[in-house]
Amino acid sequence: MSKHAKNLTQYDDLGLVKSVLNGNDESYTELVKRHHVRIYQMAYNLVGSADDADDLAQMVFLKAYRSLHRFRGGAQFSTWIYRICVNCCYDWIKANKRWAQGISDEDWWGHLSTDDALFGKSEPADQWVVNREIQDALDDALQKLAPEFRAVVVLREVNGLSYDEIAGIVGCEVGTVKSRLFRARAQLRILLAPVHADWQAA
């Protein structure tokens, strides 16, 4: 690793963006390294295909590079590129028509919440097989949600973003984010109920 490359790791994202705009493409390589895993994971959770997620991640970073002059630093770079990722995934889902209407009746479920253990937390080795099955079931369940529901679940439960950050990424009001998240959790609870029962009995 060159001395210059080592120095790049000391920059924050905004500093790297400014460096790219000043003609240093190595700085963009550093931005890609920092954010690639999360962008790939988000794309995978939204489209449900490793190969397509890899293609989408490349598309996201290419679009972000071409649009970098529009980034003004009013939001974090991560929030800005998440927005690009979500929009790319929405376009892909629409083009491929790979989503189904989820269950929408949350009235009876209102006092419940989706178990945090279903969202990929670390587990003891002897629970790996059981929890791997749960994670696979969650992946399948996510693909049955409408895209706008799927996005808020991934951004909140997987990426841990605030309601304000999610609202900025998906382009709606905070109240709408909360409503979508509530309904998405309700649908996931229904879809995952059989698997969750088996997990509890294991």
Protein backbone atom coordinates (compact mmCIF):
# COMPACT_ATOMS: atom_id res chain seq x y z
CA MET A 1 0.00 0.00 0.00
CA SER A 2 1.37 3.39 -0.97
CA LYS A 3 1.92 6.16 1.52
CA HIS A 4 -0.77 8.16 -0.27
CA ALA A 5 -3.25 5.28 0.02
CA LYS A 6 -2.53 5.04 3.73
CA ASN A 7 -3.24 8.73 4.08
CA LEU A 8 -6.62 8.32 2.40
CA THR A 9 -7.84 6.14 5.26
CA GLN A 10 -7.46 9.16 7.54
CA TYR A 11 -10.00 11.22 5.59
CA ASP A 12 -13.68 11.26 6.45
CA ASP A 13 -16.15 10.65 3.62
CA LEU A 14 -16.65 14.35 2.88
CA GLY A 15 -12.91 14.83 2.64
CA LEU A 16 -12.68 11.96 0.18
CA VAL A 17 -15.51 13.39 -1.91
CA LYS A 18 -13.71 16.72 -2.12
CA SER A 19 -10.53 14.89 -3.09
CA VAL A 20 -12.32 13.04 -5.90
CA LEU A 21 -13.81 16.27 -7.21
CA ASN A 22 -10.28 17.68 -7.25
CA GLY A 23 -9.25 14.88 -9.61
CA ASN A 24 -8.00 12.14 -7.27
CA ASP A 25 -9.78 8.93 -8.34
CA GLU A 26 -7.92 6.93 -5.68
CA SER A 27 -10.10 8.67 -3.14
CA TYR A 28 -13.19 7.21 -4.78
CA THR A 29 -11.65 3.75 -4.56
CA GLU A 30 -11.40 4.34 -0.81
CA LEU A 31 -15.07 5.36 -0.66
CA VAL A 32 -16.03 2.18 -2.49
CA LYS A 33 -14.01 0.08 -0.05
CA ARG A 34 -15.74 1.72 2.90
CA HIS A 35 -19.28 1.31 1.66
CA HIS A 36 -19.30 -1.65 -0.68
CA VAL A 37 -20.29 -4.30 1.85
CA ARG A 38 -23.32 -2.39 3.12
CA ILE A 39 -24.44 -1.38 -0.36
CA TYR A 40 -24.14 -4.98 -1.54
CA GLN A 41 -26.01 -6.26 1.51
CA MET A 42 -28.77 -3.70 1.03
CA ALA A 43 -29.13 -4.61 -2.63
CA TYR A 44 -29.19 -8.30 -1.77
CA ASN A 45 -31.87 -7.80 0.87
CA LEU A 46 -33.96 -5.79 -1.57
CA VAL A 47 -33.66 -8.01 -4.67
CA GLY A 48 -32.90 -11.42 -3.16
CA SER A 49 -30.19 -12.45 -5.63
CA ALA A 50 -26.44 -12.45 -4.96
CA ASP A 51 -25.53 -12.04 -8.64
CA ASP A 52 -28.02 -9.24 -9.21
CA ALA A 53 -26.97 -7.56 -5.96
CA ASP A 54 -23.37 -7.57 -7.15
CA ASP A 55 -24.39 -5.99 -10.47
CA LEU A 56 -26.55 -3.43 -8.68
CA ALA A 57 -23.76 -2.51 -6.25
CA GLN A 58 -21.48 -1.77 -9.22
CA MET A 59 -24.26 0.28 -10.82
CA VAL A 60 -24.78 2.24 -7.60
CA PHE A 61 -21.13 3.21 -7.31
CA LEU A 62 -20.95 4.12 -10.99
CA LYS A 63 -24.04 6.35 -10.69
CA ALA A 64 -22.70 7.87 -7.49
CA TYR A 65 -19.37 8.65 -9.19
CA ARG A 66 -21.09 10.31 -12.13
CA SER A 67 -23.31 12.33 -9.80
CA LEU A 68 -20.69 13.18 -7.20
CA HIS A 69 -20.62 16.85 -8.23
CA ARG A 70 -24.22 17.08 -6.98
CA PHE A 71 -23.31 15.94 -3.46
CA ARG A 72 -23.26 19.02 -1.26
CA GLY A 73 -22.58 17.47 2.13
CA GLY A 74 -25.96 18.41 3.56
CA ALA A 75 -26.41 14.74 4.45
CA GLN A 76 -23.86 12.05 5.15
CA PHE A 77 -22.32 10.40 2.09
CA SER A 78 -23.65 7.05 3.33
CA THR A 79 -27.22 8.40 3.38
CA TRP A 80 -26.79 9.86 -0.10
CA ILE A 81 -25.47 6.62 -1.59
CA TYR A 82 -28.13 4.56 0.22
CA ARG A 83 -30.71 6.68 -1.60
CA ILE A 84 -29.08 5.85 -4.92
CA CYS A 85 -29.02 2.17 -3.98
CA VAL A 86 -32.70 2.10 -3.03
CA ASN A 87 -33.69 3.85 -6.25
CA CYS A 88 -31.60 1.46 -8.35
CA CYS A 89 -33.19 -1.50 -6.61
CA TYR A 90 -36.69 -0.07 -7.05
CA ASP A 91 -36.00 0.29 -10.77
CA TRP A 92 -34.67 -3.27 -10.97
CA ILE A 93 -37.65 -4.72 -9.08
CA LYS A 94 -40.07 -2.83 -11.29
CA ALA A 95 -38.31 -3.96 -14.48
CA ASN A 96 -38.21 -7.58 -13.34
CA LYS A 97 -41.61 -7.51 -11.60
CA ARG A 98 -40.17 -9.61 -8.78
CA TRP A 99 -42.35 -8.77 -5.86
CA ALA A 100 -45.69 -9.90 -4.50
CA GLN A 101 -48.32 -8.06 -2.54
CA GLY A 102 -47.77 -8.83 1.13
CA ILE A 103 -50.34 -9.40 3.82
CA SER A 104 -51.76 -6.02 4.74
CA ASP A 105 -54.03 -6.69 7.71
CA GLU A 106 -52.10 -5.57 10.79
CA ASP A 107 -55.09 -4.75 13.03
CA TRP A 108 -54.93 -7.88 15.17
CA TRP A 109 -51.14 -7.71 15.43
CA GLY A 110 -50.71 -4.14 16.66
CA HIS A 111 -49.39 -4.95 20.14
CA LEU A 112 -46.63 -7.24 18.85
CA SER A 113 -43.22 -6.48 17.34
CA THR A 114 -40.83 -8.49 15.21
CA ASP A 115 -38.28 -10.35 17.33
CA ASP A 116 -34.85 -8.71 17.06
CA ALA A 117 -33.25 -12.16 17.03
CA LEU A 118 -34.62 -12.66 13.54
CA PHE A 119 -32.44 -9.89 12.11
CA GLY A 120 -29.04 -11.50 11.91
CA LYS A 121 -27.55 -11.05 15.39
CA SER A 122 -24.63 -13.29 16.30
CA GLU A 123 -25.43 -16.67 17.82
CA PRO A 124 -23.63 -19.52 19.62
CA ALA A 125 -22.15 -22.17 17.36
CA ASP A 126 -24.68 -24.82 18.41
CA GLN A 127 -27.51 -22.53 17.29
CA TRP A 128 -26.03 -21.76 13.88
CA VAL A 129 -28.06 -24.30 11.91
CA VAL A 130 -31.34 -23.24 13.49
CA ASN A 131 -30.62 -19.55 13.06
CA ARG A 132 -29.35 -20.10 9.50
CA GLU A 133 -32.76 -21.56 8.68
CA ILE A 134 -34.41 -18.54 10.30
CA GLN A 135 -32.21 -16.15 8.29
CA ASP A 136 -33.08 -18.00 5.09
CA ALA A 137 -36.77 -17.77 5.99
CA LEU A 138 -36.36 -14.04 6.65
CA ASP A 139 -34.69 -13.56 3.28
CA ASP A 140 -37.62 -15.31 1.61
CA ALA A 141 -40.16 -13.32 3.63
CA LEU A 142 -38.52 -10.01 2.72
CA GLN A 143 -38.99 -10.79 -0.95
CA LYS A 144 -42.76 -11.12 -0.36
CA LEU A 145 -43.03 -7.55 0.91
CA ALA A 146 -43.82 -4.65 -1.38
CA PRO A 147 -40.57 -2.80 -2.24
CA GLU A 148 -41.39 0.27 -0.13
CA PHE A 149 -41.98 -1.95 2.92
CA ARG A 150 -38.89 -4.03 2.23
CA ALA A 151 -36.72 -0.93 2.03
CA VAL A 152 -37.72 0.52 5.40
CA VAL A 153 -37.19 -2.84 7.12
CA VAL A 154 -33.70 -3.20 5.68
CA LEU A 155 -32.73 0.40 6.45
CA ARG A 156 -34.06 0.25 10.01
CA GLU A 157 -33.44 -3.33 11.15
CA VAL A 158 -30.32 -4.21 9.16
CA ASN A 159 -28.58 -0.85 8.73
CA GLY A 160 -29.82 0.66 12.00
CA LEU A 161 -30.72 4.05 10.53
CA SER A 162 -32.92 6.61 12.25
CA TYR A 163 -36.44 7.42 11.07
CA ASP A 164 -35.21 10.81 9.83
CA GLU A 165 -32.40 9.20 7.83
CA ILE A 166 -34.77 6.64 6.30
CA ALA A 167 -37.26 9.36 5.38
CA GLY A 168 -34.49 11.22 3.54
CA ILE A 169 -33.42 8.10 1.68
CA VAL A 170 -36.84 6.86 0.55
CA GLY A 171 -38.28 10.34 0.03
CA CYS A 172 -41.26 10.44 2.37
CA GLU A 173 -42.33 11.83 5.75
CA VAL A 174 -41.17 10.29 9.03
CA GLY A 175 -44.76 9.33 9.83
CA THR A 176 -44.95 7.40 6.57
CA VAL A 177 -41.72 5.59 7.42
CA LYS A 178 -43.13 4.54 10.80
CA SER A 179 -46.39 3.39 9.21
CA ARG A 180 -44.59 1.34 6.57
CA LEU A 181 -42.30 -0.18 9.16
CA PHE A 182 -45.24 -1.11 11.38
CA ARG A 183 -47.05 -2.79 8.51
CA ALA A 184 -43.88 -4.51 7.27
CA ARG A 185 -43.18 -5.93 10.72
CA ALA A 186 -46.75 -7.17 10.90
CA GLN A 187 -46.43 -8.93 7.58
CA LEU A 188 -43.08 -10.46 8.54
CA ARG A 189 -44.52 -11.66 11.83
CA ILE A 190 -47.25 -13.51 9.95
CA LEU A 191 -44.90 -14.92 7.33
CA LEU A 192 -42.31 -16.03 9.89
CA ALA A 193 -44.68 -17.36 12.53
CA PRO A 194 -44.22 -21.07 11.63
CA VAL A 195 -40.43 -20.77 11.54
CA HIS A 196 -40.34 -18.77 14.74
CA ALA A 197 -42.43 -21.41 16.51
CA ASP A 198 -39.99 -24.11 15.42
CA TRP A 199 -37.05 -21.99 16.57
CA GLN A 200 -38.60 -21.46 20.00
CA ALA A 201 -39.10 -25.23 20.34
CA ALA A 202 -35.54 -26.06 19.26
